[in-house]
């Protein structure tokens, strides 16, 4: 059995478990009633957020040359990027369908091991979700041992999530924008070895709740460390509605992916993104997994 076949079989099994009557509910936990009530209809019925209550984001100019090198789809371009843009639209549509059916607003993105493409998937999926226009999309870089969003974009925000977690800065100062409507980000440029302890503390819950309460019809994507490298993803998993798992054909070992999915059994699985599933002479490879999603090759770890 190939990596893809094995991964899809495991993902189907986990999806079935998450949908079963006795499964852990991921949709309603910790969500304000106003957000639950409109989860299935983002274009109508969204709670009104007063201007004074909205998140104020620092506007940053990304390094477009660096974004191109890193394959961040900051521009909705044609040419050789058209296939990548279309692939992320497909992932967006499939993920939104499942999120709206289940009432999910917070989705953690992880992988089995490093270099599977999860961080770039978070960025490009977030950009695509924001362009859909029916949700406010917030990207949280909680891979605190190896934060990479700012590095990919070539930006230096004034506020860093690590400063908030270590009580040196206010939560309201953590967010920045990059010129894409409906998209907010919070990240850091400094790593920490205390990530597990920090993520287990109340600040993580406060961060997620703050985003839910200060955005209209939010979709929150949370970049988490690989499951088999540290326990950080398992610490955050109970705090989110579902998990999106990224794997890369030719990179992810079948045994590693199977072990990672086994560790995530008790949590709802939003889908499996298969990177590099169809190799070609082009710069990228593409492929779909379990009808949920699609990913792109990540240029670096």
Protein backbone atom coordinates (compact mmCIF):
# COMPACT_ATOMS: atom_id res chain seq x y z
CA UNK A 1 0.00 0.00 0.00
CA UNK A 2 1.38 3.41 -0.96
CA UNK A 3 1.83 6.31 1.45
CA UNK A 4 -1.20 8.05 -0.03
CA UNK A 5 -3.43 4.97 0.21
CA UNK A 6 -2.36 4.30 3.78
CA UNK A 7 -2.80 7.93 4.83
CA UNK A 8 -6.21 8.22 3.22
CA UNK A 9 -7.44 5.02 4.83
CA UNK A 10 -6.31 6.28 8.23
CA UNK A 11 -7.85 9.72 7.65
CA UNK A 12 -11.17 8.15 6.62
CA UNK A 13 -11.19 6.07 9.79
CA UNK A 14 -10.46 9.09 11.98
CA UNK A 15 -13.07 11.19 10.20
CA UNK A 16 -15.61 8.46 10.86
CA UNK A 17 -14.69 8.36 14.52
CA UNK A 18 -14.99 12.14 14.83
CA UNK A 19 -18.46 12.00 13.25
CA UNK A 20 -19.72 9.14 15.44
CA UNK A 21 -22.29 9.83 18.19
CA UNK A 22 -19.79 9.20 20.98
CA UNK A 23 -16.99 11.29 19.52
CA UNK A 24 -15.55 14.34 21.23
CA UNK A 25 -17.48 17.43 20.04
CA UNK A 26 -15.09 19.95 18.59
CA UNK A 27 -17.49 22.55 17.29
CA UNK A 28 -19.22 24.03 20.28
CA UNK A 29 -16.56 23.98 23.02
CA UNK A 30 -15.73 27.45 24.24
CA UNK A 31 -17.46 29.30 21.41
CA UNK A 32 -19.76 32.22 22.17
CA UNK A 33 -23.40 31.53 21.24
CA UNK A 34 -23.42 34.32 18.66
CA UNK A 35 -20.67 32.63 16.68
CA UNK A 36 -22.29 29.20 16.89
CA UNK A 37 -25.55 30.54 15.55
CA UNK A 38 -24.10 31.85 12.30
CA UNK A 39 -21.41 29.26 11.61
CA UNK A 40 -23.30 27.82 8.65
CA UNK A 41 -24.13 31.15 7.00
CA UNK A 42 -21.11 33.42 6.85
CA UNK A 43 -22.55 35.93 4.40
CA UNK A 44 -25.65 36.69 6.50
CA UNK A 45 -26.48 36.83 10.16
CA UNK A 46 -22.90 37.53 11.31
CA UNK A 47 -22.80 39.42 14.59
CA UNK A 48 -22.03 43.08 14.25
CA UNK A 49 -18.64 44.08 15.61
CA UNK A 50 -18.39 47.70 16.64
CA UNK A 51 -15.33 49.52 15.23
CA UNK A 52 -13.95 50.03 18.72
CA UNK A 53 -14.17 46.28 19.35
CA UNK A 54 -12.40 45.15 16.19
CA UNK A 55 -8.78 44.03 16.19
CA UNK A 56 -6.46 46.87 15.23
CA UNK A 57 -3.67 45.50 13.08
CA UNK A 58 -0.32 47.03 12.18
CA UNK A 59 -0.09 47.27 8.39
CA UNK A 60 3.17 45.78 7.10
CA UNK A 61 4.61 45.67 3.58
CA UNK A 62 5.78 42.18 2.67
CA UNK A 63 8.94 41.49 0.70
CA UNK A 64 7.35 40.39 -2.59
CA UNK A 65 10.60 39.04 -3.99
CA UNK A 66 11.04 36.89 -0.90
CA UNK A 67 7.41 35.80 -1.07
CA UNK A 68 7.95 34.67 -4.65
CA UNK A 69 11.07 32.75 -3.69
CA UNK A 70 9.22 31.11 -0.80
CA UNK A 71 6.17 30.35 -2.96
CA UNK A 72 3.81 32.45 -0.87
CA UNK A 73 0.88 33.30 -3.14
CA UNK A 74 0.58 36.89 -2.01
CA UNK A 75 -0.50 37.96 -5.50
CA UNK A 76 -3.47 36.33 -7.20
CA UNK A 77 -1.34 35.76 -10.27
CA UNK A 78 -1.59 33.67 -13.39
CA UNK A 79 1.19 31.98 -15.29
CA UNK A 80 3.10 29.30 -13.42
CA UNK A 81 1.30 30.23 -10.19
CA UNK A 82 -2.17 29.67 -11.63
CA UNK A 83 -2.16 25.97 -10.78
CA UNK A 84 -1.08 26.66 -7.21
CA UNK A 85 -3.78 29.29 -6.76
CA UNK A 86 -6.43 26.95 -8.16
CA UNK A 87 -5.27 24.14 -5.89
CA UNK A 88 -5.63 26.29 -2.79
CA UNK A 89 -9.09 27.39 -3.93
CA UNK A 90 -10.04 23.72 -4.05
CA UNK A 91 -8.66 23.14 -0.55
CA UNK A 92 -10.47 26.28 0.65
CA UNK A 93 -13.82 25.15 -0.72
CA UNK A 94 -13.57 21.67 0.76
CA UNK A 95 -12.38 22.88 4.13
CA UNK A 96 -15.08 25.58 4.35
CA UNK A 97 -17.77 23.04 3.52
CA UNK A 98 -16.69 20.83 6.43
CA UNK A 99 -16.18 23.79 8.78
CA UNK A 100 -19.66 25.16 8.12
CA UNK A 101 -21.35 21.78 8.49
CA UNK A 102 -19.58 21.15 11.81
CA UNK A 103 -19.54 24.71 13.13
CA UNK A 104 -15.74 24.87 13.27
CA UNK A 105 -13.98 28.23 13.54
CA UNK A 106 -10.55 27.25 14.89
CA UNK A 107 -8.42 24.77 12.95
CA UNK A 108 -4.95 23.68 13.98
CA UNK A 109 -2.56 22.68 11.20
CA UNK A 110 0.13 20.14 11.96
CA UNK A 111 2.18 17.36 10.37
CA UNK A 112 3.95 14.21 11.47
CA UNK A 113 7.52 15.47 11.00
CA UNK A 114 9.31 18.64 9.82
CA UNK A 115 9.56 19.69 6.16
CA UNK A 116 6.10 18.38 5.21
CA UNK A 117 4.89 21.82 4.10
CA UNK A 118 2.51 22.82 6.89
CA UNK A 119 3.64 26.41 7.47
CA UNK A 120 3.46 27.36 3.80
CA UNK A 121 0.11 25.58 3.60
CA UNK A 122 -1.18 27.72 6.48
CA UNK A 123 -0.09 30.94 4.78
CA UNK A 124 -1.40 30.12 1.31
CA UNK A 125 -4.63 28.59 2.59
CA UNK A 126 -5.19 31.64 4.81
CA UNK A 127 -4.68 34.00 1.88
CA UNK A 128 -7.11 31.98 -0.23
CA UNK A 129 -9.71 31.88 2.56
CA UNK A 130 -9.47 35.65 2.99
CA UNK A 131 -10.03 36.22 -0.73
CA UNK A 132 -13.24 34.19 -0.54
CA UNK A 133 -14.56 37.20 1.34
CA UNK A 134 -17.13 35.68 3.69
CA UNK A 135 -14.96 35.35 6.78
CA UNK A 136 -12.36 37.25 8.71
CA UNK A 137 -9.33 34.99 8.59
CA UNK A 138 -6.74 35.02 11.37
CA UNK A 139 -3.44 33.13 11.18
CA UNK A 140 -1.73 32.35 14.49
CA UNK A 141 1.85 31.10 14.43
CA UNK A 142 2.01 28.86 17.49
CA UNK A 143 4.94 26.80 16.23
CA UNK A 144 6.85 28.64 18.91
CA UNK A 145 9.99 26.52 18.66
CA UNK A 146 10.32 27.41 14.99
CA UNK A 147 8.10 30.42 14.09
CA UNK A 148 8.29 30.99 10.34
CA UNK A 149 5.45 33.21 9.08
CA UNK A 150 7.42 36.44 9.42
CA UNK A 151 10.43 34.80 7.80
CA UNK A 152 8.39 33.67 4.80
CA UNK A 153 6.85 37.13 4.37
CA UNK A 154 9.94 39.19 5.14
CA UNK A 155 8.25 41.29 7.85
CA UNK A 156 9.12 42.46 11.35
CA UNK A 157 5.96 43.11 13.39
CA UNK A 158 6.02 45.42 16.37
CA UNK A 159 4.30 42.83 18.53
CA UNK A 160 5.48 39.24 18.97
CA UNK A 161 3.36 36.43 20.36
CA UNK A 162 6.18 35.27 22.61
CA UNK A 163 6.15 38.66 24.32
CA UNK A 164 2.44 38.25 25.05
CA UNK A 165 2.88 34.72 26.38
CA UNK A 166 5.72 35.90 28.62
CA UNK A 167 3.73 38.94 29.86
CA UNK A 168 5.84 41.61 28.19
CA UNK A 169 3.19 42.92 25.79
CA UNK A 170 -0.56 43.35 25.43
CA UNK A 171 -2.61 40.95 23.34
CA UNK A 172 -4.18 43.80 21.39
CA UNK A 173 -0.73 44.71 20.01
CA UNK A 174 0.02 41.28 18.51
CA UNK A 175 -1.75 41.50 15.15
CA UNK A 176 -0.60 42.71 11.75
CA UNK A 177 -1.93 42.78 8.21
CA UNK A 178 -0.14 42.31 4.87
CA UNK A 179 -2.40 44.06 2.38
CA UNK A 180 -4.84 41.16 1.87
CA UNK A 181 -8.40 42.09 2.80
CA UNK A 182 -9.99 40.06 5.61
CA UNK A 183 -6.62 38.65 6.74
CA UNK A 184 -4.88 39.17 10.09
CA UNK A 185 -1.74 37.48 11.40
CA UNK A 186 0.09 37.09 14.70
CA UNK A 187 3.54 35.53 14.83
CA UNK A 188 7.04 35.99 16.21
CA UNK A 189 10.64 36.02 15.07
CA UNK A 190 12.19 34.57 18.24
CA UNK A 191 11.89 30.89 19.20
CA UNK A 192 11.53 29.43 22.68
CA UNK A 193 12.18 26.03 24.21
CA UNK A 194 9.43 26.68 26.75
CA UNK A 195 6.69 26.40 24.13
CA UNK A 196 4.87 23.46 25.70
CA UNK A 197 4.56 25.16 29.08
CA UNK A 198 3.50 28.47 27.53
CA UNK A 199 0.87 26.87 25.29
CA UNK A 200 -0.59 24.96 28.23
CA UNK A 201 -1.10 28.21 30.16
CA UNK A 202 -4.23 30.35 30.13
CA UNK A 203 -2.70 32.83 27.66
CA UNK A 204 -3.31 30.41 24.79
CA UNK A 205 -7.02 30.17 25.66
CA UNK A 206 -7.13 33.96 26.05
CA UNK A 207 -5.59 34.43 22.59
CA UNK A 208 -8.10 32.16 20.86
CA UNK A 209 -11.06 33.63 22.71
CA UNK A 210 -9.90 37.18 21.95
CA UNK A 211 -9.86 36.43 18.23
CA UNK A 212 -13.33 34.85 18.38
CA UNK A 213 -14.80 37.84 20.20
CA UNK A 214 -13.20 40.60 18.12
CA UNK A 215 -13.80 39.33 14.59
CA UNK A 216 -16.94 38.70 12.56
CA UNK A 217 -17.50 35.13 11.36
CA UNK A 218 -13.86 34.15 11.96
CA UNK A 219 -11.85 31.32 10.50
CA UNK A 220 -8.71 30.85 12.61
CA UNK A 221 -5.81 28.78 11.27
CA UNK A 222 -3.18 27.87 13.86
CA UNK A 223 0.26 26.71 12.76
CA UNK A 224 1.36 23.99 15.20
CA UNK A 225 4.62 22.03 15.48
CA UNK A 226 4.91 18.52 14.03
CA UNK A 227 3.24 15.91 16.23
CA UNK A 228 6.24 13.59 16.51
CA UNK A 229 8.77 16.31 17.37
CA UNK A 230 7.22 17.75 20.52
CA UNK A 231 4.00 17.57 22.52
CA UNK A 232 3.05 21.17 21.66
CA UNK A 233 0.39 20.20 19.08
CA UNK A 234 -1.21 17.80 21.57
CA UNK A 235 -1.30 20.57 24.16
CA UNK A 236 -3.20 22.90 21.82
CA UNK A 237 -5.42 20.27 20.16
CA UNK A 238 -8.10 20.28 22.91
CA UNK A 239 -8.37 24.06 22.56
CA UNK A 240 -9.32 24.05 18.84
CA UNK A 241 -12.28 22.68 16.91
CA UNK A 242 -10.43 20.42 14.46
CA UNK A 243 -7.01 19.57 13.06
CA UNK A 244 -5.74 19.64 9.48
CA UNK A 245 -2.83 17.24 8.93
CA UNK A 246 -0.21 17.90 6.24
CA UNK A 247 1.91 15.17 4.65
CA UNK A 248 4.30 15.15 1.70
CA UNK A 249 4.73 12.24 -0.64
CA UNK A 250 8.39 11.32 -0.89
CA UNK A 251 9.07 13.11 2.41
CA UNK A 252 6.66 11.75 5.02
CA UNK A 253 7.28 8.16 6.02
CA UNK A 254 4.16 6.02 6.19
CA UNK A 255 4.97 4.80 9.70
CA UNK A 256 5.45 8.37 10.96
CA UNK A 257 2.15 9.54 9.51
CA UNK A 258 0.33 6.54 10.91
CA UNK A 259 1.83 7.16 14.35
CA UNK A 260 0.93 10.85 14.24
CA UNK A 261 -2.67 10.14 13.22
CA UNK A 262 -2.85 7.58 16.01
CA UNK A 263 -1.85 10.22 18.56
CA UNK A 264 -4.60 12.51 17.20
CA UNK A 265 -7.37 9.89 17.31
CA UNK A 266 -9.42 11.64 20.00
CA UNK A 267 -9.57 14.94 18.08
CA UNK A 268 -11.73 15.84 15.05
CA UNK A 269 -9.72 15.69 11.82
CA UNK A 270 -10.69 18.35 9.27
CA UNK A 271 -8.75 16.63 6.51
CA UNK A 272 -5.44 15.50 5.15
CA UNK A 273 -3.39 17.70 2.82
CA UNK A 274 -1.08 15.73 0.55
CA UNK A 275 1.83 17.78 -0.77
CA UNK A 276 3.89 16.77 -3.80
CA UNK A 277 1.45 13.99 -4.62
CA UNK A 278 1.83 14.36 -8.38
CA UNK A 279 5.36 15.18 -9.39
CA UNK A 280 6.08 16.81 -12.72
CA UNK A 281 8.78 18.83 -14.41
CA UNK A 282 7.28 21.98 -12.93
CA UNK A 283 8.47 23.69 -9.79
CA UNK A 284 5.55 22.35 -7.73
CA UNK A 285 3.80 19.02 -7.40
CA UNK A 286 0.10 18.73 -6.59
CA UNK A 287 -2.41 16.17 -5.43
CA UNK A 288 -5.62 15.81 -3.45
CA UNK A 289 -6.26 13.81 -0.30
CA UNK A 290 -9.53 12.23 0.91
CA UNK A 291 -11.54 14.81 -0.97
CA UNK A 292 -10.63 17.42 1.65
CA UNK A 293 -7.64 19.29 0.48
CA UNK A 294 -4.52 20.02 -1.34
CA UNK A 295 -1.16 21.43 -0.55
CA UNK A 296 1.94 22.87 -2.15
CA UNK A 297 5.58 22.01 -1.86
CA UNK A 298 7.29 23.88 1.00
CA UNK A 299 10.65 25.39 0.06
CA UNK A 300 12.35 24.92 3.43
CA UNK A 301 11.87 23.50 6.90
